[in-house]
Amino acid sequence: GGESWHRVAVMGKRHAARFLGGEAVVAVGERPGASVSRDGGRTWR
């Protein structure tokens, strides 16, 4: 709930993000246009 935050590297500039459900989240921006994480933001592709 935001008590602690953990930093990871993500390719590109992300302008917006939304959860798809569970641990799945999508972020959009540029270079690349869209990235998805299936583990709550720990890793992105």
PDB file of all heavy atoms in Angstrom:
ATOM      1  N   GLY A   1       0.780  -1.227   0.000  1.00  0.00           N
ATOM      2  CA  GLY A   1       0.000   0.000   0.000  1.00  0.00           C
ATOM      3  C   GLY A   1       0.809   1.273   0.000  1.00  0.00           C
ATOM      4  O   GLY A   1       0.286   2.337   0.316  1.00  0.00           O
ATOM      5  N   GLY A   2       2.081   1.174  -0.392  1.00  0.00           N
ATOM      6  CA  GLY A   2       2.928   2.361  -0.454  1.00  0.00           C
ATOM      7  C   GLY A   2       3.756   2.617   0.783  1.00  0.00           C
ATOM      8  O   GLY A   2       4.409   3.661   0.890  1.00  0.00           O
ATOM      9  N   GLU A   3       3.754   1.676   1.723  1.00  0.00           N
ATOM     10  CA  GLU A   3       4.618   1.833   2.901  1.00  0.00           C
ATOM     11  C   GLU A   3       6.088   1.776   2.495  1.00  0.00           C
ATOM     12  O   GLU A   3       6.922   2.486   3.053  1.00  0.00           O
ATOM     13  CB  GLU A   3       4.305   0.739   3.928  1.00  0.00           C
ATOM     14  CG  GLU A   3       2.955   0.869   4.600  1.00  0.00           C
ATOM     15  CD  GLU A   3       2.876   2.062   5.541  1.00  0.00           C
ATOM     16  OE1 GLU A   3       3.936   2.555   5.969  1.00  0.00           O
ATOM     17  OE2 GLU A   3       1.750   2.511   5.830  1.00  0.00           O
ATOM     18  N   SER A   4       6.402   0.915   1.528  1.00  0.00           N
ATOM     19  CA  SER A   4       7.776   0.812   1.019  1.00  0.00           C
ATOM     20  C   SER A   4       7.737   0.711  -0.491  1.00  0.00           C
ATOM     21  O   SER A   4       6.797   0.141  -1.065  1.00  0.00           O
ATOM     22  CB  SER A   4       8.484  -0.415   1.615  1.00  0.00           C
ATOM     23  OG  SER A   4       7.800  -1.610   1.265  1.00  0.00           O
ATOM     24  N   TRP A   5       8.753   1.284  -1.149  1.00  0.00           N
ATOM     25  CA  TRP A   5       8.845   1.290  -2.603  1.00  0.00           C
ATOM     26  C   TRP A   5      10.192   0.724  -3.036  1.00  0.00           C
ATOM     27  O   TRP A   5      11.209   0.954  -2.369  1.00  0.00           O
ATOM     28  CB  TRP A   5       8.684   2.715  -3.146  1.00  0.00           C
ATOM     29  CG  TRP A   5       7.317   3.287  -2.952  1.00  0.00           C
ATOM     30  CD1 TRP A   5       6.869   3.986  -1.869  1.00  0.00           C
ATOM     31  CD2 TRP A   5       6.207   3.184  -3.853  1.00  0.00           C
ATOM     32  NE1 TRP A   5       5.553   4.335  -2.043  1.00  0.00           N
ATOM     33  CE2 TRP A   5       5.119   3.868  -3.246  1.00  0.00           C
ATOM     34  CE3 TRP A   5       6.027   2.601  -5.112  1.00  0.00           C
ATOM     35  CZ2 TRP A   5       3.874   3.972  -3.864  1.00  0.00           C
ATOM     36  CZ3 TRP A   5       4.789   2.709  -5.723  1.00  0.00           C
ATOM     37  CH2 TRP A   5       3.725   3.381  -5.101  1.00  0.00           C
ATOM     38  N   HIS A   6      10.186  -0.022  -4.153  1.00  0.00           N
ATOM     39  CA  HIS A   6      11.393  -0.676  -4.653  1.00  0.00           C
ATOM     40  C   HIS A   6      11.613  -0.265  -6.106  1.00  0.00           C
ATOM     41  O   HIS A   6      10.684  -0.317  -6.919  1.00  0.00           O
ATOM     42  CB  HIS A   6      11.254  -2.194  -4.540  1.00  0.00           C
ATOM     43  CG  HIS A   6      10.779  -2.647  -3.187  1.00  0.00           C
ATOM     44  ND1 HIS A   6      11.637  -2.873  -2.137  1.00  0.00           N
ATOM     45  CD2 HIS A   6       9.518  -2.870  -2.711  1.00  0.00           C
ATOM     46  CE1 HIS A   6      10.934  -3.241  -1.082  1.00  0.00           C
ATOM     47  NE2 HIS A   6       9.649  -3.247  -1.404  1.00  0.00           N
ATOM     48  N   ARG A   7      12.817   0.109  -6.435  1.00  0.00           N
ATOM     49  CA  ARG A   7      13.124   0.657  -7.758  1.00  0.00           C
ATOM     50  C   ARG A   7      13.635  -0.425  -8.703  1.00  0.00           C
ATOM     51  O   ARG A   7      14.425  -1.285  -8.307  1.00  0.00           O
ATOM     52  CB  ARG A   7      14.171   1.768  -7.621  1.00  0.00           C
ATOM     53  CG  ARG A   7      14.686   2.314  -8.932  1.00  0.00           C
ATOM     54  CD  ARG A   7      15.573   3.507  -8.710  1.00  0.00           C
ATOM     55  NE  ARG A   7      16.341   3.843  -9.907  1.00  0.00           N
ATOM     56  CZ  ARG A   7      16.827   5.043 -10.164  1.00  0.00           C
ATOM     57  NH1 ARG A   7      16.640   6.031  -9.312  1.00  0.00           N
ATOM     58  NH2 ARG A   7      17.515   5.267 -11.265  1.00  0.00           N
ATOM     59  N   VAL A   8      13.174  -0.353  -9.974  1.00  0.00           N
ATOM     60  CA  VAL A   8      13.667  -1.243 -11.024  1.00  0.00           C
ATOM     61  C   VAL A   8      13.839  -0.419 -12.300  1.00  0.00           C
ATOM     62  O   VAL A   8      13.251   0.649 -12.459  1.00  0.00           O
ATOM     63  CB  VAL A   8      12.693  -2.418 -11.300  1.00  0.00           C
ATOM     64  CG1 VAL A   8      12.588  -3.318 -10.082  1.00  0.00           C
ATOM     65  CG2 VAL A   8      11.328  -1.902 -11.711  1.00  0.00           C
ATOM     66  N   ALA A   9      14.655  -0.927 -13.206  1.00  0.00           N
ATOM     67  CA  ALA A   9      14.869  -0.264 -14.494  1.00  0.00           C
ATOM     68  C   ALA A   9      13.809  -0.715 -15.493  1.00  0.00           C
ATOM     69  O   ALA A   9      13.415  -1.877 -15.527  1.00  0.00           O
ATOM     70  CB  ALA A   9      16.257  -0.586 -15.032  1.00  0.00           C
ATOM     71  N   VAL A  10      13.322   0.223 -16.305  1.00  0.00           N
ATOM     72  CA  VAL A  10      12.327  -0.056 -17.337  1.00  0.00           C
ATOM     73  C   VAL A  10      12.753   0.654 -18.613  1.00  0.00           C
ATOM     74  O   VAL A  10      13.166   1.812 -18.578  1.00  0.00           O
ATOM     75  CB  VAL A  10      10.921   0.422 -16.927  1.00  0.00           C
ATOM     76  CG1 VAL A  10       9.919   0.151 -18.034  1.00  0.00           C
ATOM     77  CG2 VAL A  10      10.479  -0.259 -15.654  1.00  0.00           C
ATOM     78  N   MET A  11      12.644  -0.039 -19.742  1.00  0.00           N
ATOM     79  CA  MET A  11      13.014   0.565 -21.013  1.00  0.00           C
ATOM     80  C   MET A  11      12.014   1.636 -21.421  1.00  0.00           C
ATOM     81  O   MET A  11      10.804   1.415 -21.385  1.00  0.00           O
ATOM     82  CB  MET A  11      13.087  -0.511 -22.102  1.00  0.00           C
ATOM     83  CG  MET A  11      13.505   0.010 -23.479  1.00  0.00           C
ATOM     84  SD  MET A  11      13.380  -1.285 -24.747  1.00  0.00           S
ATOM     85  CE  MET A  11      14.522  -2.506 -24.096  1.00  0.00           C
ATOM     86  N   GLY A  12      12.486   2.820 -21.805  1.00  0.00           N
ATOM     87  CA  GLY A  12      11.649   3.858 -22.377  1.00  0.00           C
ATOM     88  C   GLY A  12      11.021   4.779 -21.354  1.00  0.00           C
ATOM     89  O   GLY A  12      11.164   4.620 -20.138  1.00  0.00           O
ATOM     90  N   LYS A  13      10.307   5.771 -21.869  1.00  0.00           N
ATOM     91  CA  LYS A  13       9.610   6.748 -21.043  1.00  0.00           C
ATOM     92  C   LYS A  13       8.154   6.310 -20.909  1.00  0.00           C
ATOM     93  O   LYS A  13       7.462   6.106 -21.896  1.00  0.00           O
ATOM     94  CB  LYS A  13       9.686   8.130 -21.688  1.00  0.00           C
ATOM     95  CG  LYS A  13       9.006   9.230 -20.878  1.00  0.00           C
ATOM     96  CD  LYS A  13       9.046  10.557 -21.618  1.00  0.00           C
ATOM     97  CE  LYS A  13      10.451  11.123 -21.686  1.00  0.00           C
ATOM     98  NZ  LYS A  13      10.443  12.492 -22.265  1.00  0.00           N
ATOM     99  N   ARG A  14       7.672   6.168 -19.656  1.00  0.00           N
ATOM    100  CA  ARG A  14       6.307   5.718 -19.390  1.00  0.00           C
ATOM    101  C   ARG A  14       5.467   6.917 -18.943  1.00  0.00           C
ATOM    102  O   ARG A  14       5.793   7.577 -17.965  1.00  0.00           O
ATOM    103  CB  ARG A  14       6.275   4.667 -18.286  1.00  0.00           C
ATOM    104  CG  ARG A  14       7.236   3.472 -18.418  1.00  0.00           C
ATOM    105  CD  ARG A  14       6.870   2.556 -19.535  1.00  0.00           C
ATOM    106  NE  ARG A  14       7.469   3.018 -20.806  1.00  0.00           N
ATOM    107  CZ  ARG A  14       7.076   2.638 -21.993  1.00  0.00           C
ATOM    108  NH1 ARG A  14       6.077   1.813 -22.119  1.00  0.00           N
ATOM    109  NH2 ARG A  14       7.663   3.076 -23.080  1.00  0.00           N
ATOM    110  N   HIS A  15       4.336   7.150 -19.642  1.00  0.00           N
ATOM    111  CA  HIS A  15       3.477   8.291 -19.325  1.00  0.00           C
ATOM    112  C   HIS A  15       2.241   7.926 -18.515  1.00  0.00           C
ATOM    113  O   HIS A  15       1.652   8.795 -17.873  1.00  0.00           O
ATOM    114  CB  HIS A  15       3.021   8.972 -20.617  1.00  0.00           C
ATOM    115  CG  HIS A  15       4.122   9.647 -21.364  1.00  0.00           C
ATOM    116  ND1 HIS A  15       4.795  10.742 -20.873  1.00  0.00           N
ATOM    117  CD2 HIS A  15       4.692   9.377 -22.573  1.00  0.00           C
ATOM    118  CE1 HIS A  15       5.712  11.138 -21.739  1.00  0.00           C
ATOM    119  NE2 HIS A  15       5.676  10.312 -22.773  1.00  0.00           N
ATOM    120  N   ALA A  16       1.803   6.680 -18.553  1.00  0.00           N
ATOM    121  CA  ALA A  16       0.591   6.269 -17.838  1.00  0.00           C
ATOM    122  C   ALA A  16       0.657   4.780 -17.548  1.00  0.00           C
ATOM    123  O   ALA A  16       1.319   4.019 -18.267  1.00  0.00           O
ATOM    124  CB  ALA A  16      -0.662   6.596 -18.655  1.00  0.00           C
ATOM    125  N   ALA A  17      -0.048   4.358 -16.495  1.00  0.00           N
ATOM    126  CA  ALA A  17      -0.055   2.945 -16.109  1.00  0.00           C
ATOM    127  C   ALA A  17      -1.413   2.590 -15.517  1.00  0.00           C
ATOM    128  O   ALA A  17      -2.052   3.423 -14.867  1.00  0.00           O
ATOM    129  CB  ALA A  17       1.050   2.654 -15.107  1.00  0.00           C
ATOM    130  N   ARG A  18      -1.854   1.350 -15.738  1.00  0.00           N
ATOM    131  CA  ARG A  18      -3.088   0.838 -15.162  1.00  0.00           C
ATOM    132  C   ARG A  18      -2.927  -0.649 -14.854  1.00  0.00           C
ATOM    133  O   ARG A  18      -2.310  -1.393 -15.637  1.00  0.00           O
ATOM    134  CB  ARG A  18      -4.272   1.019 -16.133  1.00  0.00           C
ATOM    135  CG  ARG A  18      -4.633   2.453 -16.413  1.00  0.00           C
ATOM    136  CD  ARG A  18      -5.249   3.159 -15.211  1.00  0.00           C
ATOM    137  NE  ARG A  18      -5.619   4.524 -15.538  1.00  0.00           N
ATOM    138  CZ  ARG A  18      -4.800   5.576 -15.434  1.00  0.00           C
ATOM    139  NH1 ARG A  18      -3.561   5.416 -15.010  1.00  0.00           N
ATOM    140  NH2 ARG A  18      -5.238   6.789 -15.745  1.00  0.00           N
ATOM    141  N   PHE A  19      -3.521  -1.083 -13.742  1.00  0.00           N
ATOM    142  CA  PHE A  19      -3.521  -2.504 -13.411  1.00  0.00           C
ATOM    143  C   PHE A  19      -4.572  -3.222 -14.240  1.00  0.00           C
ATOM    144  O   PHE A  19      -5.671  -2.715 -14.462  1.00  0.00           O
ATOM    145  CB  PHE A  19      -3.788  -2.702 -11.927  1.00  0.00           C
ATOM    146  CG  PHE A  19      -2.535  -2.686 -11.091  1.00  0.00           C
ATOM    147  CD1 PHE A  19      -1.991  -1.485 -10.686  1.00  0.00           C
ATOM    148  CD2 PHE A  19      -1.901  -3.872 -10.757  1.00  0.00           C
ATOM    149  CE1 PHE A  19      -0.830  -1.456  -9.933  1.00  0.00           C
ATOM    150  CE2 PHE A  19      -0.739  -3.860 -10.008  1.00  0.00           C
ATOM    151  CZ  PHE A  19      -0.190  -2.646  -9.587  1.00  0.00           C
ATOM    152  N   LEU A  20      -4.204  -4.422 -14.710  1.00  0.00           N
ATOM    153  CA  LEU A  20      -5.122  -5.262 -15.461  1.00  0.00           C
ATOM    154  C   LEU A  20      -5.894  -6.199 -14.546  1.00  0.00           C
ATOM    155  O   LEU A  20      -6.923  -6.748 -14.930  1.00  0.00           O
ATOM    156  CB  LEU A  20      -4.348  -6.096 -16.489  1.00  0.00           C
ATOM    157  CG  LEU A  20      -3.493  -5.322 -17.496  1.00  0.00           C
ATOM    158  CD1 LEU A  20      -2.686  -6.287 -18.350  1.00  0.00           C
ATOM    159  CD2 LEU A  20      -4.361  -4.441 -18.359  1.00  0.00           C
ATOM    160  N   GLY A  21      -5.383  -6.388 -13.343  1.00  0.00           N
ATOM    161  CA  GLY A  21      -5.973  -7.332 -12.391  1.00  0.00           C
ATOM    162  C   GLY A  21      -4.876  -8.180 -11.787  1.00  0.00           C
ATOM    163  O   GLY A  21      -3.907  -8.541 -12.469  1.00  0.00           O
ATOM    164  N   GLY A  22      -5.001  -8.495 -10.489  1.00  0.00           N
ATOM    165  CA  GLY A  22      -3.955  -9.261  -9.830  1.00  0.00           C
ATOM    166  C   GLY A  22      -2.632  -8.518  -9.862  1.00  0.00           C
ATOM    167  O   GLY A  22      -2.550  -7.342  -9.512  1.00  0.00           O
ATOM    168  N   GLU A  23      -1.591  -9.208 -10.310  1.00  0.00           N
ATOM    169  CA  GLU A  23      -0.268  -8.593 -10.389  1.00  0.00           C
ATOM    170  C   GLU A  23       0.063  -8.049 -11.780  1.00  0.00           C
ATOM    171  O   GLU A  23       1.168  -7.579 -12.006  1.00  0.00           O
ATOM    172  CB  GLU A  23       0.810  -9.611  -9.978  1.00  0.00           C
ATOM    173  CG  GLU A  23       0.767  -9.985  -8.512  1.00  0.00           C
ATOM    174  CD  GLU A  23       1.989 -10.790  -8.099  1.00  0.00           C
ATOM    175  OE1 GLU A  23       2.211 -11.867  -8.699  1.00  0.00           O
ATOM    176  OE2 GLU A  23       2.715 -10.343  -7.202  1.00  0.00           O
ATOM    177  N   ALA A  24      -0.876  -8.114 -12.698  1.00  0.00           N
ATOM    178  CA  ALA A  24      -0.624  -7.666 -14.071  1.00  0.00           C
ATOM    179  C   ALA A  24      -0.888  -6.167 -14.196  1.00  0.00           C
ATOM    180  O   ALA A  24      -1.916  -5.664 -13.765  1.00  0.00           O
ATOM    181  CB  ALA A  24      -1.500  -8.429 -15.054  1.00  0.00           C
ATOM    182  N   VAL A  25       0.051  -5.462 -14.806  1.00  0.00           N
ATOM    183  CA  VAL A  25      -0.066  -4.017 -14.986  1.00  0.00           C
ATOM    184  C   VAL A  25       0.548  -3.647 -16.329  1.00  0.00           C
ATOM    185  O   VAL A  25       1.527  -4.254 -16.769  1.00  0.00           O
ATOM    186  CB  VAL A  25       0.632  -3.263 -13.825  1.00  0.00           C
ATOM    187  CG1 VAL A  25       2.094  -3.646 -13.716  1.00  0.00           C
ATOM    188  CG2 VAL A  25       0.498  -1.763 -13.983  1.00  0.00           C
ATOM    189  N   VAL A  26      -0.046  -2.659 -17.006  1.00  0.00           N
ATOM    190  CA  VAL A  26       0.444  -2.202 -18.296  1.00  0.00           C
ATOM    191  C   VAL A  26       0.816  -0.732 -18.170  1.00  0.00           C
ATOM    192  O   VAL A  26       0.153   0.035 -17.463  1.00  0.00           O
ATOM    193  CB  VAL A  26      -0.608  -2.412 -19.415  1.00  0.00           C
ATOM    194  CG1 VAL A  26      -1.888  -1.672 -19.098  1.00  0.00           C
ATOM    195  CG2 VAL A  26      -0.071  -1.971 -20.763  1.00  0.00           C
ATOM    196  N   ALA A  27       1.897  -0.324 -18.846  1.00  0.00           N
ATOM    197  CA  ALA A  27       2.321   1.068 -18.882  1.00  0.00           C
ATOM    198  C   ALA A  27       2.587   1.456 -20.324  1.00  0.00           C
ATOM    199  O   ALA A  27       3.112   0.660 -21.107  1.00  0.00           O
ATOM    200  CB  ALA A  27       3.584   1.277 -18.043  1.00  0.00           C
ATOM    201  N   VAL A  28       2.200   2.678 -20.689  1.00  0.00           N
ATOM    202  CA  VAL A  28       2.384   3.148 -22.066  1.00  0.00           C
ATOM    203  C   VAL A  28       3.220   4.416 -22.071  1.00  0.00           C
ATOM    204  O   VAL A  28       3.283   5.152 -21.091  1.00  0.00           O
ATOM    205  CB  VAL A  28       1.028   3.409 -22.760  1.00  0.00           C
ATOM    206  CG1 VAL A  28       0.237   2.126 -22.885  1.00  0.00           C
ATOM    207  CG2 VAL A  28       0.230   4.486 -22.031  1.00  0.00           C
ATOM    208  N   GLY A  29       3.865   4.649 -23.225  1.00  0.00           N
ATOM    209  CA  GLY A  29       4.711   5.820 -23.362  1.00  0.00           C
ATOM    210  C   GLY A  29       5.370   5.851 -24.723  1.00  0.00           C
ATOM    211  O   GLY A  29       4.712   5.804 -25.750  1.00  0.00           O
ATOM    212  N   GLU A  30       6.692   5.866 -24.720  1.00  0.00           N
ATOM    213  CA  GLU A  30       7.434   5.925 -25.974  1.00  0.00           C
ATOM    214  C   GLU A  30       8.736   5.148 -25.849  1.00  0.00           C
ATOM    215  O   GLU A  30       9.366   5.091 -24.813  1.00  0.00           O
ATOM    216  CB  GLU A  30       7.713   7.382 -26.352  1.00  0.00           C
ATOM    217  CG  GLU A  30       8.250   8.246 -25.223  1.00  0.00           C
ATOM    218  CD  GLU A  30       8.201   9.720 -25.549  1.00  0.00           C
ATOM    219  OE1 GLU A  30       8.846  10.119 -26.536  1.00  0.00           O
ATOM    220  OE2 GLU A  30       7.533  10.478 -24.819  1.00  0.00           O
ATOM    221  N   ARG A  31       9.080   4.510 -26.957  1.00  0.00           N
ATOM    222  CA  ARG A  31      10.326   3.734 -27.091  1.00  0.00           C
ATOM    223  C   ARG A  31      10.515   2.722 -25.958  1.00  0.00           C
ATOM    224  O   ARG A  31      11.429   2.870 -25.158  1.00  0.00           O
ATOM    225  CB  ARG A  31      11.533   4.675 -27.161  1.00  0.00           C
ATOM    226  CG  ARG A  31      11.493   5.648 -28.311  1.00  0.00           C
ATOM    227  CD  ARG A  31      12.765   6.481 -28.379  1.00  0.00           C
ATOM    228  NE  ARG A  31      13.049   7.168 -27.129  1.00  0.00           N
ATOM    229  CZ  ARG A  31      12.557   8.352 -26.785  1.00  0.00           C
ATOM    230  NH1 ARG A  31      11.735   8.984 -27.585  1.00  0.00           N
ATOM    231  NH2 ARG A  31      12.878   8.904 -25.636  1.00  0.00           N
ATOM    232  N   PRO A  32       9.647   1.696 -25.854  1.00  0.00           N
ATOM    233  CA  PRO A  32       8.555   1.274 -26.732  1.00  0.00           C
ATOM    234  C   PRO A  32       7.223   1.904 -26.327  1.00  0.00           C
ATOM    235  O   PRO A  32       7.122   2.552 -25.282  1.00  0.00           O
ATOM    236  CB  PRO A  32       8.520  -0.232 -26.505  1.00  0.00           C
ATOM    237  CG  PRO A  32       8.890  -0.372 -25.059  1.00  0.00           C
ATOM    238  CD  PRO A  32       9.929   0.692 -24.810  1.00  0.00           C
ATOM    239  N   GLY A  33       6.194   1.664 -27.173  1.00  0.00           N
ATOM    240  CA  GLY A  33       4.889   2.238 -26.895  1.00  0.00           C
ATOM    241  C   GLY A  33       4.217   1.631 -25.683  1.00  0.00           C
ATOM    242  O   GLY A  33       3.528   2.335 -24.946  1.00  0.00           O
ATOM    243  N   ALA A  34       4.383   0.334 -25.441  1.00  0.00           N
ATOM    244  CA  ALA A  34       3.695  -0.327 -24.328  1.00  0.00           C
ATOM    245  C   ALA A  34       4.600  -1.364 -23.690  1.00  0.00           C
ATOM    246  O   ALA A  34       5.389  -2.031 -24.369  1.00  0.00           O
ATOM    247  CB  ALA A  34       2.402  -0.975 -24.813  1.00  0.00           C
ATOM    248  N   SER A  35       4.475  -1.486 -22.359  1.00  0.00           N
ATOM    249  CA  SER A  35       5.206  -2.491 -21.591  1.00  0.00           C
ATOM    250  C   SER A  35       4.246  -3.131 -20.601  1.00  0.00           C
ATOM    251  O   SER A  35       3.318  -2.477 -20.109  1.00  0.00           O
ATOM    252  CB  SER A  35       6.374  -1.867 -20.824  1.00  0.00           C
ATOM    253  OG  SER A  35       7.286  -1.239 -21.692  1.00  0.00           O
ATOM    254  N   VAL A  36       4.480  -4.405 -20.296  1.00  0.00           N
ATOM    255  CA  VAL A  36       3.614  -5.141 -19.379  1.00  0.00           C
ATOM    256  C   VAL A  36       4.451  -5.806 -18.306  1.00  0.00           C
ATOM    257  O   VAL A  36       5.533  -6.325 -18.580  1.00  0.00           O
ATOM    258  CB  VAL A  36       2.781  -6.199 -20.137  1.00  0.00           C
ATOM    259  CG1 VAL A  36       2.089  -7.134 -19.166  1.00  0.00           C
ATOM    260  CG2 VAL A  36       1.739  -5.527 -21.015  1.00  0.00           C
ATOM    261  N   SER A  37       3.941  -5.770 -17.087  1.00  0.00           N
ATOM    262  CA  SER A  37       4.530  -6.523 -15.986  1.00  0.00           C
ATOM    263  C   SER A  37       3.501  -7.520 -15.497  1.00  0.00           C
ATOM    264  O   SER A  37       2.326  -7.178 -15.335  1.00  0.00           O
ATOM    265  CB  SER A  37       4.938  -5.590 -14.844  1.00  0.00           C
ATOM    266  OG  SER A  37       5.339  -6.341 -13.707  1.00  0.00           O
ATOM    267  N   ARG A  38       3.914  -8.754 -15.269  1.00  0.00           N
ATOM    268  CA  ARG A  38       3.018  -9.792 -14.763  1.00  0.00           C
ATOM    269  C   ARG A  38       3.300 -10.120 -13.302  1.00  0.00           C
ATOM    270  O   ARG A  38       2.688 -11.034 -12.743  1.00  0.00           O
ATOM    271  CB  ARG A  38       3.162 -11.064 -15.603  1.00  0.00           C
ATOM    272  CG  ARG A  38       2.840 -10.877 -17.084  1.00  0.00           C
ATOM    273  CD  ARG A  38       1.374 -10.623 -17.319  1.00  0.00           C
ATOM    274  NE  ARG A  38       1.061 -10.451 -18.745  1.00  0.00           N
ATOM    275  CZ  ARG A  38      -0.155 -10.160 -19.212  1.00  0.00           C
ATOM    276  NH1 ARG A  38      -1.164 -10.046 -18.375  1.00  0.00           N
ATOM    277  NH2 ARG A  38      -0.346  -9.994 -20.514  1.00  0.00           N
ATOM    278  N   ASP A  39       4.201  -9.366 -12.665  1.00  0.00           N
ATOM    279  CA  ASP A  39       4.571  -9.653 -11.283  1.00  0.00           C
ATOM    280  C   ASP A  39       4.527  -8.401 -10.411  1.00  0.00           C
ATOM    281  O   ASP A  39       5.367  -8.198  -9.545  1.00  0.00           O
ATOM    282  CB  ASP A  39       5.951 -10.310 -11.201  1.00  0.00           C
ATOM    283  CG  ASP A  39       7.031  -9.505 -11.922  1.00  0.00           C
ATOM    284  OD1 ASP A  39       6.778  -8.336 -12.280  1.00  0.00           O
ATOM    285  OD2 ASP A  39       8.139 -10.043 -12.120  1.00  0.00           O
ATOM    286  N   GLY A  40       3.549  -7.550 -10.664  1.00  0.00           N
ATOM    287  CA  GLY A  40       3.348  -6.381  -9.817  1.00  0.00           C
ATOM    288  C   GLY A  40       4.352  -5.273 -10.002  1.00  0.00           C
ATOM    289  O   GLY A  40       4.498  -4.431  -9.108  1.00  0.00           O
ATOM    290  N   GLY A  41       5.044  -5.245 -11.143  1.00  0.00           N
ATOM    291  CA  GLY A  41       5.990  -4.178 -11.419  1.00  0.00           C
ATOM    292  C   GLY A  41       7.438  -4.515 -11.164  1.00  0.00           C
ATOM    293  O   GLY A  41       8.324  -3.674 -11.358  1.00  0.00           O
ATOM    294  N   ARG A  42       7.703  -5.753 -10.754  1.00  0.00           N
ATOM    295  CA  ARG A  42       9.093  -6.132 -10.473  1.00  0.00           C
ATOM    296  C   ARG A  42       9.906  -6.278 -11.750  1.00  0.00           C
ATOM    297  O   ARG A  42      11.072  -5.892 -11.802  1.00  0.00           O
ATOM    298  CB  ARG A  42       9.118  -7.437  -9.672  1.00  0.00           C
ATOM    299  CG  ARG A  42       8.531  -7.314  -8.269  1.00  0.00           C
ATOM    300  CD  ARG A  42       8.334  -8.688  -7.640  1.00  0.00           C
ATOM    301  NE  ARG A  42       7.861  -8.626  -6.259  1.00  0.00           N
ATOM    302  CZ  ARG A  42       6.603  -8.443  -5.893  1.00  0.00           C
ATOM    303  NH1 ARG A  42       5.672  -8.300  -6.844  1.00  0.00           N
ATOM    304  NH2 ARG A  42       6.264  -8.391  -4.627  1.00  0.00           N
ATOM    305  N   THR A  43       9.303  -6.863 -12.777  1.00  0.00           N
ATOM    306  CA  THR A  43       9.964  -7.002 -14.071  1.00  0.00           C
ATOM    307  C   THR A  43       9.002  -6.552 -15.164  1.00  0.00           C
ATOM    308  O   THR A  43       7.775  -6.695 -15.021  1.00  0.00           O
ATOM    309  CB  THR A  43      10.404  -8.448 -14.335  1.00  0.00           C
ATOM    310  OG1 THR A  43       9.250  -9.308 -14.332  1.00  0.00           O
ATOM    311  CG2 THR A  43      11.389  -8.925 -13.279  1.00  0.00           C
ATOM    312  N   TRP A  44       9.556  -6.028 -16.254  1.00  0.00           N
ATOM    313  CA  TRP A  44       8.758  -5.498 -17.353  1.00  0.00           C
ATOM    314  C   TRP A  44       9.293  -6.017 -18.679  1.00  0.00           C
ATOM    315  O   TRP A  44      10.493  -6.270 -18.818  1.00  0.00           O
ATOM    316  CB  TRP A  44       8.811  -3.967 -17.371  1.00  0.00           C
ATOM    317  CG  TRP A  44       8.230  -3.315 -16.161  1.00  0.00           C
ATOM    318  CD1 TRP A  44       8.836  -3.157 -14.939  1.00  0.00           C
ATOM    319  CD2 TRP A  44       6.929  -2.732 -16.042  1.00  0.00           C
ATOM    320  NE1 TRP A  44       7.998  -2.507 -14.072  1.00  0.00           N
ATOM    321  CE2 TRP A  44       6.827  -2.225 -14.720  1.00  0.00           C
ATOM    322  CE3 TRP A  44       5.865  -2.571 -16.922  1.00  0.00           C
ATOM    323  CZ2 TRP A  44       5.679  -1.578 -14.259  1.00  0.00           C
ATOM    324  CZ3 TRP A  44       4.723  -1.918 -16.476  1.00  0.00           C
ATOM    325  CH2 TRP A  44       4.636  -1.435 -15.160  1.00  0.00           C
ATOM    326  N   ARG A  45       8.384  -6.164 -19.644  1.00  0.00           N
ATOM    327  CA  ARG A  45       8.808  -6.515 -20.992  1.00  0.00           C
ATOM    328  C   ARG A  45       7.992  -5.696 -21.993  1.00  0.00           C
ATOM    329  O   ARG A  45       6.806  -5.421 -21.778  1.00  0.00           O
ATOM    330  CB  ARG A  45       8.614  -8.011 -21.264  1.00  0.00           C
ATOM    331  CG  ARG A  45       7.166  -8.471 -21.233  1.00  0.00           C
ATOM    332  CD  ARG A  45       7.043  -9.938 -21.616  1.00  0.00           C
ATOM    333  NE  ARG A  45       5.652 -10.380 -21.614  1.00  0.00           N
ATOM    334  CZ  ARG A  45       4.812 -10.230 -22.634  1.00  0.00           C
ATOM    335  NH1 ARG A  45       5.235  -9.626 -23.741  1.00  0.00           N
ATOM    336  NH2 ARG A  45       3.570 -10.663 -22.564  1.00  0.00           N
TER     337      ARG A  45
END
